[in-house]
Amino acid sequence: MKLAICGYPPLALQIQAVLQNSDIEFKFFIADFVSTGGGD
């Protein structure tokens, strides 16, 4: 299985480390971000 990890970088790196010795193929990170834009 291929996997993309989305979320807070330190937690995402921990998840990647846990999956390193599994049959899950880590492909890429999707960065977590918060929009602080105005609205209108």
PDB file of N, CA and C in Angstrom:
ATOM      1  N   MET A   1       0.848  -1.167   0.000  1.00  0.00           N
ATOM      2  CA  MET A   1       0.000   0.000   0.000  1.00  0.00           C
ATOM      3  C   MET A   1       0.897   1.235   0.000  1.00  0.00           C
ATOM      4  N   LYS A   2       0.498   2.260  -0.755  1.00  0.00           N
ATOM      5  CA  LYS A   2       1.209   3.522  -0.792  1.00  0.00           C
ATOM      6  C   LYS A   2       0.470   4.514   0.089  1.00  0.00           C
ATOM      7  N   LEU A   3       1.230   5.417   0.715  1.00  0.00           N
ATOM      8  CA  LEU A   3       0.645   6.307   1.707  1.00  0.00           C
ATOM      9  C   LEU A   3       1.219   7.707   1.585  1.00  0.00           C
ATOM     10  N   ALA A   4       0.371   8.715   1.730  1.00  0.00           N
ATOM     11  CA  ALA A   4       0.788  10.107   1.895  1.00  0.00           C
ATOM     12  C   ALA A   4       0.380  10.510   3.306  1.00  0.00           C
ATOM     13  N   ILE A   5       1.254  11.212   4.000  1.00  0.00           N
ATOM     14  CA  ILE A   5       0.967  11.639   5.363  1.00  0.00           C
ATOM     15  C   ILE A   5       0.652  13.127   5.348  1.00  0.00           C
ATOM     16  N   CYS A   6      -0.452  13.493   5.961  1.00  0.00           N
ATOM     17  CA  CYS A   6      -0.867  14.891   6.046  1.00  0.00           C
ATOM     18  C   CYS A   6      -0.928  15.277   7.507  1.00  0.00           C
ATOM     19  N   GLY A   7      -0.333  16.410   7.835  1.00  0.00           N
ATOM     20  CA  GLY A   7      -0.463  16.878   9.200  1.00  0.00           C
ATOM     21  C   GLY A   7       0.738  17.631   9.724  1.00  0.00           C
ATOM     22  N   TYR A   8       0.744  17.832  10.999  1.00  0.00           N
ATOM     23  CA  TYR A   8       1.782  18.563  11.715  1.00  0.00           C
ATOM     24  C   TYR A   8       3.126  17.850  11.543  1.00  0.00           C
ATOM     25  N   PRO A   9       4.154  18.536  11.025  1.00  0.00           N
ATOM     26  CA  PRO A   9       5.409  17.885  10.649  1.00  0.00           C
ATOM     27  C   PRO A   9       6.058  16.977  11.703  1.00  0.00           C
ATOM     28  N   PRO A  10       6.206  17.376  12.974  1.00  0.00           N
ATOM     29  CA  PRO A  10       6.838  16.447  13.923  1.00  0.00           C
ATOM     30  C   PRO A  10       6.064  15.133  14.075  1.00  0.00           C
ATOM     31  N   LEU A  11       4.743  15.218  14.099  1.00  0.00           N
ATOM     32  CA  LEU A  11       3.929  14.003  14.211  1.00  0.00           C
ATOM     33  C   LEU A  11       4.026  13.181  12.932  1.00  0.00           C
ATOM     34  N   ALA A  12       4.016  13.846  11.785  1.00  0.00           N
ATOM     35  CA  ALA A  12       4.128  13.143  10.508  1.00  0.00           C
ATOM     36  C   ALA A  12       5.459  12.393  10.421  1.00  0.00           C
ATOM     37  N   LEU A  13       6.536  12.988  10.917  1.00  0.00           N
ATOM     38  CA  LEU A  13       7.843  12.309  10.910  1.00  0.00           C
ATOM     39  C   LEU A  13       7.839  11.092  11.829  1.00  0.00           C
ATOM     40  N   GLN A  14       7.136  11.169  12.946  1.00  0.00           N
ATOM     41  CA  GLN A  14       7.020  10.014  13.843  1.00  0.00           C
ATOM     42  C   GLN A  14       6.254   8.888  13.155  1.00  0.00           C
ATOM     43  N   ILE A  15       5.199   9.237  12.455  1.00  0.00           N
ATOM     44  CA  ILE A  15       4.420   8.226  11.725  1.00  0.00           C
ATOM     45  C   ILE A  15       5.288   7.567  10.662  1.00  0.00           C
ATOM     46  N   GLN A  16       6.060   8.378   9.939  1.00  0.00           N
ATOM     47  CA  GLN A  16       6.951   7.835   8.916  1.00  0.00           C
ATOM     48  C   GLN A  16       7.941   6.857   9.535  1.00  0.00           C
ATOM     49  N   ALA A  17       8.503   7.182  10.681  1.00  0.00           N
ATOM     50  CA  ALA A  17       9.470   6.315  11.341  1.00  0.00           C
ATOM     51  C   ALA A  17       8.836   4.983  11.741  1.00  0.00           C
ATOM     52  N   VAL A  18       7.607   5.024  12.249  1.00  0.00           N
ATOM     53  CA  VAL A  18       6.911   3.802  12.653  1.00  0.00           C
ATOM     54  C   VAL A  18       6.644   2.902  11.443  1.00  0.00           C
ATOM     55  N   LEU A  19       6.327   3.508  10.300  1.00  0.00           N
ATOM     56  CA  LEU A  19       5.990   2.743   9.101  1.00  0.00           C
ATOM     57  C   LEU A  19       7.211   2.232   8.338  1.00  0.00           C
ATOM     58  N   GLN A  20       8.396   2.663   8.740  1.00  0.00           N
ATOM     59  CA  GLN A  20       9.610   2.355   7.995  1.00  0.00           C
ATOM     60  C   GLN A  20       9.834   0.854   7.805  1.00  0.00           C
ATOM     61  N   ASN A  21       9.497   0.045   8.778  1.00  0.00           N
ATOM     62  CA  ASN A  21       9.736  -1.397   8.687  1.00  0.00           C
ATOM     63  C   ASN A  21       8.467  -2.181   8.369  1.00  0.00           C
ATOM     64  N   SER A  22       7.505  -1.532   7.747  1.00  0.00           N
ATOM     65  CA  SER A  22       6.262  -2.217   7.406  1.00  0.00           C
ATOM     66  C   SER A  22       6.175  -2.395   5.895  1.00  0.00           C
ATOM     67  N   ASP A  23       5.094  -2.977   5.434  1.00  0.00           N
ATOM     68  CA  ASP A  23       4.905  -3.164   3.994  1.00  0.00           C
ATOM     69  C   ASP A  23       4.182  -1.965   3.363  1.00  0.00           C
ATOM     70  N   ILE A  24       4.035  -0.892   4.139  1.00  0.00           N
ATOM     71  CA  ILE A  24       3.409   0.328   3.635  1.00  0.00           C
ATOM     72  C   ILE A  24       4.501   1.220   3.056  1.00  0.00           C
ATOM     73  N   GLU A  25       4.321   1.636   1.815  1.00  0.00           N
ATOM     74  CA  GLU A  25       5.311   2.457   1.124  1.00  0.00           C
ATOM     75  C   GLU A  25       4.956   3.925   1.306  1.00  0.00           C
ATOM     76  N   PHE A  26       5.787   4.644   2.050  1.00  0.00           N
ATOM     77  CA  PHE A  26       5.569   6.067   2.271  1.00  0.00           C
ATOM     78  C   PHE A  26       5.992   6.825   1.023  1.00  0.00           C
ATOM     79  N   LYS A  27       5.108   7.675   0.491  1.00  0.00           N
ATOM     80  CA  LYS A  27       5.392   8.401  -0.740  1.00  0.00           C
ATOM     81  C   LYS A  27       5.713   9.874  -0.516  1.00  0.00           C
ATOM     82  N   PHE A  28       4.885  10.613   0.226  1.00  0.00           N
ATOM     83  CA  PHE A  28       5.153  12.038   0.405  1.00  0.00           C
ATOM     84  C   PHE A  28       4.334  12.619   1.549  1.00  0.00           C
ATOM     85  N   PHE A  29       4.731  13.825   1.969  1.00  0.00           N
ATOM     86  CA  PHE A  29       3.997  14.581   2.970  1.00  0.00           C
ATOM     87  C   PHE A  29       3.072  15.567   2.274  1.00  0.00           C
ATOM     88  N   ILE A  30       1.934  15.810   2.862  1.00  0.00           N
ATOM     89  CA  ILE A  30       1.063  16.919   2.482  1.00  0.00           C
ATOM     90  C   ILE A  30       1.133  17.874   3.658  1.00  0.00           C
ATOM     91  N   ALA A  31       1.692  19.060   3.426  1.00  0.00           N
ATOM     92  CA  ALA A  31       1.919  20.003   4.518  1.00  0.00           C
ATOM     93  C   ALA A  31       0.613  20.452   5.154  1.00  0.00           C
ATOM     94  N   ASP A  32       0.663  20.613   6.443  1.00  0.00           N
ATOM     95  CA  ASP A  32      -0.471  21.134   7.201  1.00  0.00           C
ATOM     96  C   ASP A  32      -0.325  22.652   7.235  1.00  0.00           C
ATOM     97  N   PHE A  33      -1.377  23.377   6.936  1.00  0.00           N
ATOM     98  CA  PHE A  33      -1.294  24.834   6.990  1.00  0.00           C
ATOM     99  C   PHE A  33      -2.623  25.412   7.436  1.00  0.00           C
ATOM    100  N   VAL A  34      -2.568  26.621   7.928  1.00  0.00           N
ATOM    101  CA  VAL A  34      -3.766  27.314   8.366  1.00  0.00           C
ATOM    102  C   VAL A  34      -3.836  28.626   7.597  1.00  0.00           C
ATOM    103  N   SER A  35      -4.966  28.883   6.994  1.00  0.00           N
ATOM    104  CA  SER A  35      -5.161  30.136   6.273  1.00  0.00           C
ATOM    105  C   SER A  35      -5.563  31.216   7.254  1.00  0.00           C
ATOM    106  N   THR A  36      -4.846  32.339   7.193  1.00  0.00           N
ATOM    107  CA  THR A  36      -5.184  33.452   8.086  1.00  0.00           C
ATOM    108  C   THR A  36      -5.767  34.618   7.285  1.00  0.00           C
ATOM    109  N   GLY A  37      -6.259  34.312   6.092  1.00  0.00           N
ATOM    110  CA  GLY A  37      -6.801  35.337   5.203  1.00  0.00           C
ATOM    111  C   GLY A  37      -8.020  36.040   5.764  1.00  0.00           C
ATOM    112  N   GLY A  38      -8.267  37.236   5.252  1.00  0.00           N
ATOM    113  CA  GLY A  38      -9.379  38.077   5.692  1.00  0.00           C
ATOM    114  C   GLY A  38     -10.741  37.501   5.390  1.00  0.00           C
ATOM    115  N   GLY A  39     -11.229  37.253   4.396  1.00  0.00           N
ATOM    116  CA  GLY A  39     -12.549  36.677   4.240  1.00  0.00           C
ATOM    117  C   GLY A  39     -13.269  37.261   3.046  1.00  0.00           C
ATOM    118  N   ASP A  40     -13.507  38.514   3.096  1.00  0.00           N
ATOM    119  CA  ASP A  40     -14.278  39.126   2.004  1.00  0.00           C
ATOM    120  C   ASP A  40     -13.438  39.268   0.816  1.00  0.00           C
TER     121      ASP A  40
END
